[in-house]
Amino acid sequence: MISRVRSANTISRRGFLKTSIGAIAACTLPGCGDDTPQGPSPDDARLTARPGDPTIAPTTGVTALNLGEDRDGWLFVPESYSPDSPAPLFVALHGATGEGSGWLSVTDWLESRGIVLLAPDSRSGTWDVVRDWYGPDVDFIDRALQHTFARCRVDTTRMALAGFSDGASYALSLGVSNGDLFTHLMGYSPGFLDSAGMVGTPRVFVSHGSADSVLPVRLSRDRIVPRLRTAGYDVTYEEFQGGHELPSEIWEQSLDWYLDVEPSA
């Protein structure tokens, strides 16, 4: 399965997503490497889109959202999708300087598991709250979700918000404010957690490389994960030997966790 995954760059097994979904070159953005709340209103982080009965037949495979001009996003619907069987939804957020298209390198994995992928682009070089406060990216993700819900019947018990690097920080921060929508939050090498408000109790998966030179592992190990656990969240934390990357074995482990698949012996 791993050999089938391709992207625009040559990507090693150890860090197969590092180049495709973006990563900040240095910790220079406001809030980077600091999980102290920035101060936005809880209402600013709230998403209004909700799943329901689809009204538009989806196109299987990869299609553009066509919701933005310079920056847009992608929807992947597996060939196995059937409106009679709700599908898990995986909303994936790229790192700084990245684009949603980077996540298209994992569609073979998602196809084999019947998972719908929504991969939006941030409105600028990274996600809004990383730079300042919630706003344009929340609005765009809301529209992208509405687009998806109009086409796909989703499994409301398996709705994940995930991300890498800045996208991980944003997925965890936006996710805890929308835990009545997302059932699973997945942060691969995050830098901070900005909890404008905590709603619901989604399960959380966090991974981080012990030798990460971009966002040090202590940010997850010593700040983000303890903070979530203290707040009552069920957190699975995986620390691996590596840098600022998402190794394929951690990726597959997180998918099994997301789908409640027992690990093989």
Protein backbone atom coordinates (compact mmCIF):
# COMPACT_ATOMS: atom_id res chain seq x y z
CA MET A 1 0.00 0.00 0.00
CA ILE A 2 2.74 2.45 0.90
CA SER A 3 4.44 2.06 -2.47
CA ARG A 4 1.29 3.23 -4.24
CA VAL A 5 1.35 6.70 -2.65
CA ARG A 6 2.92 9.41 -4.79
CA SER A 7 3.28 13.18 -4.62
CA ALA A 8 4.93 15.94 -6.58
CA ASN A 9 8.15 15.40 -4.63
CA THR A 10 10.24 12.38 -3.78
CA ILE A 11 9.22 11.59 -0.24
CA SER A 12 10.86 9.04 2.03
CA ARG A 13 8.94 6.46 4.03
CA ARG A 14 10.15 8.12 7.24
CA GLY A 15 8.79 11.58 6.39
CA PHE A 16 6.37 11.00 3.55
CA LEU A 17 4.29 14.10 4.20
CA LYS A 18 7.00 16.56 5.22
CA THR A 19 7.44 18.24 1.85
CA SER A 20 3.97 17.89 0.41
CA ILE A 21 1.75 19.47 3.04
CA GLY A 22 4.05 22.31 4.06
CA ALA A 23 6.08 23.19 7.10
CA ILE A 24 7.31 26.47 8.46
CA ALA A 25 11.01 27.07 7.91
CA ALA A 26 11.50 28.70 11.29
CA CYS A 27 9.46 29.54 14.36
CA THR A 28 8.84 33.19 13.51
CA LEU A 29 5.07 33.52 13.20
CA PRO A 30 3.02 35.07 16.02
CA GLY A 31 1.97 32.33 18.41
CA CYS A 32 4.40 29.80 16.92
CA GLY A 33 5.82 27.61 19.63
CA ASP A 34 3.59 29.12 22.30
CA ASP A 35 0.34 27.56 23.47
CA THR A 36 -0.78 30.67 25.35
CA PRO A 37 -4.27 31.74 24.18
CA GLN A 38 -4.24 34.69 21.79
CA GLY A 39 -7.53 36.08 23.05
CA PRO A 40 -10.13 35.58 20.28
CA SER A 41 -13.82 35.31 21.11
CA PRO A 42 -15.23 31.75 21.28
CA ASP A 43 -17.90 32.80 18.79
CA ASP A 44 -15.21 33.64 16.20
CA ALA A 45 -14.11 30.01 16.11
CA ARG A 46 -17.54 28.44 15.72
CA LEU A 47 -18.49 26.56 12.55
CA THR A 48 -22.15 26.45 11.51
CA ALA A 49 -22.12 23.75 8.80
CA ARG A 50 -23.74 20.48 9.83
CA PRO A 51 -24.12 17.15 8.00
CA GLY A 52 -27.48 16.18 6.59
CA ASP A 53 -29.09 14.58 3.56
CA PRO A 54 -26.97 15.26 0.45
CA THR A 55 -28.72 17.05 -2.41
CA ILE A 56 -26.00 16.77 -5.07
CA ALA A 57 -24.47 13.54 -6.38
CA PRO A 58 -20.71 13.67 -5.75
CA THR A 59 -18.03 13.06 -8.35
CA THR A 60 -15.75 10.29 -7.17
CA GLY A 61 -12.03 10.90 -7.11
CA VAL A 62 -10.47 14.34 -6.66
CA THR A 63 -12.35 17.53 -7.53
CA ALA A 64 -11.62 21.19 -6.86
CA LEU A 65 -13.94 22.98 -4.46
CA ASN A 66 -14.17 26.04 -6.76
CA LEU A 67 -14.95 28.22 -3.76
CA GLY A 68 -11.88 30.45 -3.94
CA GLU A 69 -9.84 32.17 -6.63
CA ASP A 70 -6.10 32.19 -5.91
CA ARG A 71 -6.43 29.64 -3.09
CA ASP A 72 -9.13 27.00 -3.03
CA GLY A 73 -9.07 23.36 -1.89
CA TRP A 74 -9.95 19.80 -2.80
CA LEU A 75 -12.55 17.14 -2.14
CA PHE A 76 -11.71 13.46 -2.52
CA VAL A 77 -14.57 10.94 -2.63
CA PRO A 78 -13.56 7.26 -2.75
CA GLU A 79 -14.83 5.03 -5.53
CA SER A 80 -16.51 2.88 -2.89
CA TYR A 81 -18.67 5.77 -1.66
CA SER A 82 -22.41 5.06 -1.51
CA PRO A 83 -25.06 7.46 -0.20
CA ASP A 84 -26.61 4.44 1.51
CA SER A 85 -23.53 4.02 3.71
CA PRO A 86 -22.26 7.12 5.57
CA ALA A 87 -18.55 7.64 5.05
CA PRO A 88 -15.93 8.87 7.55
CA LEU A 89 -14.87 12.46 6.85
CA PHE A 90 -11.24 13.57 7.24
CA VAL A 91 -10.68 17.34 7.08
CA ALA A 92 -6.95 17.92 6.60
CA LEU A 93 -5.08 21.21 7.10
CA HIS A 94 -1.66 21.89 5.57
CA GLY A 95 1.34 23.51 7.20
CA ALA A 96 2.54 27.07 6.61
CA THR A 97 3.41 27.84 2.96
CA GLY A 98 1.55 24.66 1.95
CA GLU A 99 -1.66 23.93 0.08
CA GLY A 100 -4.46 21.43 0.49
CA SER A 101 -3.23 19.62 -2.60
CA GLY A 102 -0.36 18.23 -0.54
CA TRP A 103 -2.80 15.91 1.19
CA LEU A 104 -3.74 14.32 -2.14
CA SER A 105 -0.64 12.14 -1.74
CA VAL A 106 -2.59 10.04 0.80
CA THR A 107 -5.70 9.31 -1.25
CA ASP A 108 -4.74 5.66 -1.81
CA TRP A 109 -4.76 5.13 1.95
CA LEU A 110 -8.14 6.85 2.21
CA GLU A 111 -9.57 4.97 -0.77
CA SER A 112 -8.75 1.64 0.87
CA ARG A 113 -10.60 2.75 4.02
CA GLY A 114 -13.55 4.46 2.36
CA ILE A 115 -12.72 7.88 3.82
CA VAL A 116 -13.84 11.19 2.29
CA LEU A 117 -11.10 13.85 2.34
CA LEU A 118 -11.64 17.61 2.49
CA ALA A 119 -8.38 19.56 2.10
CA PRO A 120 -8.91 23.35 2.03
CA ASP A 121 -6.25 26.00 1.43
CA SER A 122 -5.70 28.67 4.05
CA ARG A 123 -6.62 32.14 2.84
CA SER A 124 -3.02 33.34 3.17
CA GLY A 125 0.36 31.71 3.82
CA THR A 126 -0.89 30.09 7.02
CA TRP A 127 -4.04 29.85 9.11
CA ASP A 128 -5.68 32.97 10.53
CA VAL A 129 -5.30 32.40 14.28
CA VAL A 130 -1.59 31.63 13.86
CA ARG A 131 -1.12 35.23 12.69
CA ASP A 132 -3.79 37.06 14.63
CA TRP A 133 -7.37 35.87 15.27
CA TYR A 134 -10.09 33.64 13.84
CA GLY A 135 -11.81 34.98 10.76
CA PRO A 136 -11.40 34.29 7.04
CA ASP A 137 -10.22 30.68 7.42
CA VAL A 138 -13.12 29.79 9.70
CA ASP A 139 -15.50 31.22 7.11
CA PHE A 140 -13.86 29.32 4.26
CA ILE A 141 -13.75 26.01 6.13
CA ASP A 142 -17.44 26.49 6.94
CA ARG A 143 -18.22 26.95 3.23
CA ALA A 144 -16.06 23.96 2.31
CA LEU A 145 -17.92 21.80 4.84
CA GLN A 146 -21.26 22.97 3.45
CA HIS A 147 -20.00 22.01 -0.02
CA THR A 148 -19.03 18.56 1.26
CA PHE A 149 -22.22 17.91 3.23
CA ALA A 150 -24.29 18.84 0.17
CA ARG A 151 -22.58 16.01 -1.75
CA CYS A 152 -21.64 13.32 0.76
CA ARG A 153 -23.47 11.48 3.49
CA VAL A 154 -20.94 11.39 6.31
CA ASP A 155 -20.62 9.22 9.37
CA THR A 156 -21.29 11.61 12.24
CA THR A 157 -19.36 9.32 14.62
CA ARG A 158 -16.17 9.60 12.52
CA MET A 159 -15.59 13.23 11.64
CA ALA A 160 -11.94 14.20 12.00
CA LEU A 161 -10.19 17.56 11.88
CA ALA A 162 -6.47 17.00 11.36
CA GLY A 163 -3.37 18.92 10.39
CA PHE A 164 0.40 19.06 10.17
CA SER A 165 2.64 21.74 11.76
CA ASP A 166 0.71 25.05 11.66
CA GLY A 167 -2.22 23.01 10.37
CA ALA A 168 -1.95 20.80 13.45
CA SER A 169 -2.01 23.81 15.76
CA TYR A 170 -5.05 25.11 13.91
CA ALA A 171 -6.84 21.74 13.85
CA LEU A 172 -6.48 21.34 17.62
CA SER A 173 -7.40 24.96 18.35
CA LEU A 174 -10.40 25.14 16.02
CA GLY A 175 -11.35 21.57 16.89
CA VAL A 176 -11.79 22.05 20.63
CA SER A 177 -14.11 24.96 19.86
CA ASN A 178 -16.17 22.69 17.60
CA GLY A 179 -16.16 19.42 19.48
CA ASP A 180 -19.89 19.13 18.94
CA LEU A 181 -19.13 18.69 15.22
CA PHE A 182 -15.79 16.88 15.09
CA THR A 183 -15.47 13.58 16.94
CA HIS A 184 -11.71 13.22 16.40
CA LEU A 185 -8.86 15.76 16.40
CA MET A 186 -5.45 14.83 15.01
CA GLY A 187 -2.40 17.05 15.39
CA TYR A 188 0.83 15.99 13.69
CA SER A 189 3.72 18.07 15.14
CA PRO A 190 1.70 21.04 16.48
CA GLY A 191 3.17 24.19 17.99
CA PHE A 192 0.39 25.57 20.17
CA LEU A 193 -3.18 25.20 21.34
CA ASP A 194 -5.37 28.31 21.31
CA SER A 195 -8.57 27.33 23.08
CA ALA A 196 -10.96 30.18 22.39
CA GLY A 197 -13.61 27.94 23.96
CA MET A 198 -13.97 24.22 24.55
CA VAL A 199 -17.13 22.49 23.35
CA GLY A 200 -17.74 18.75 23.48
CA THR A 201 -15.20 16.02 24.11
CA PRO A 202 -13.66 14.77 20.85
CA ARG A 203 -10.91 12.18 21.10
CA VAL A 204 -7.44 13.56 20.35
CA PHE A 205 -4.35 12.10 18.67
CA VAL A 206 -1.04 14.00 18.82
CA SER A 207 2.30 12.91 17.33
CA HIS A 208 5.68 14.63 17.44
CA GLY A 209 9.27 13.86 16.48
CA SER A 210 11.78 13.82 19.32
CA ALA A 211 14.36 15.64 17.17
CA ASP A 212 12.01 18.26 15.68
CA SER A 213 14.09 21.39 15.07
CA VAL A 214 11.16 23.48 13.77
CA LEU A 215 8.62 23.02 16.55
CA PRO A 216 10.34 21.34 19.54
CA VAL A 217 8.78 18.18 20.91
CA ARG A 218 8.37 19.78 24.35
CA LEU A 219 5.53 21.87 22.93
CA SER A 220 3.42 18.75 22.53
CA ARG A 221 4.85 16.64 25.35
CA ASP A 222 4.99 19.27 28.07
CA ARG A 223 2.30 21.78 27.10
CA ILE A 224 -0.36 20.77 24.61
CA VAL A 225 -0.98 17.17 25.66
CA PRO A 226 -1.01 17.84 29.45
CA ARG A 227 -3.29 20.82 28.93
CA LEU A 228 -5.79 18.74 26.95
CA ARG A 229 -5.69 15.91 29.47
CA THR A 230 -6.20 18.31 32.36
CA ALA A 231 -9.26 19.64 30.52
CA GLY A 232 -10.66 16.10 30.39
CA TYR A 233 -9.82 15.04 26.84
CA ASP A 234 -8.93 11.46 25.93
CA VAL A 235 -5.51 12.01 24.31
CA THR A 236 -3.33 9.47 22.53
CA TYR A 237 0.22 10.80 22.28
CA GLU A 238 2.86 9.23 20.04
CA GLU A 239 6.44 10.47 20.17
CA PHE A 240 8.74 9.07 17.50
CA GLN A 241 12.42 9.30 16.63
CA GLY A 242 12.53 11.88 13.87
CA GLY A 243 12.17 15.51 12.97
CA HIS A 244 9.41 17.78 11.71
CA GLU A 245 7.59 15.15 9.70
CA LEU A 246 4.79 12.61 9.60
CA PRO A 247 6.20 9.11 9.20
CA SER A 248 4.02 6.65 7.35
CA GLU A 249 3.84 4.31 10.34
CA ILE A 250 2.48 7.13 12.54
CA TRP A 251 0.06 8.10 9.77
CA GLU A 252 -1.30 4.56 9.51
CA GLN A 253 -1.49 4.24 13.28
CA SER A 254 -3.52 7.44 13.47
CA LEU A 255 -5.94 6.17 10.81
CA ASP A 256 -6.43 2.91 12.73
CA TRP A 257 -7.04 4.95 15.88
CA TYR A 258 -9.53 7.13 14.01
CA LEU A 259 -11.46 4.16 12.63
CA ASP A 260 -11.19 2.13 15.85
CA VAL A 261 -9.21 -0.59 14.11
CA GLU A 262 -7.29 -2.91 16.41
CA PRO A 263 -3.54 -2.84 15.67
CA SER A 264 -2.16 -6.02 14.12
CA ALA A 265 -0.01 -8.21 16.31
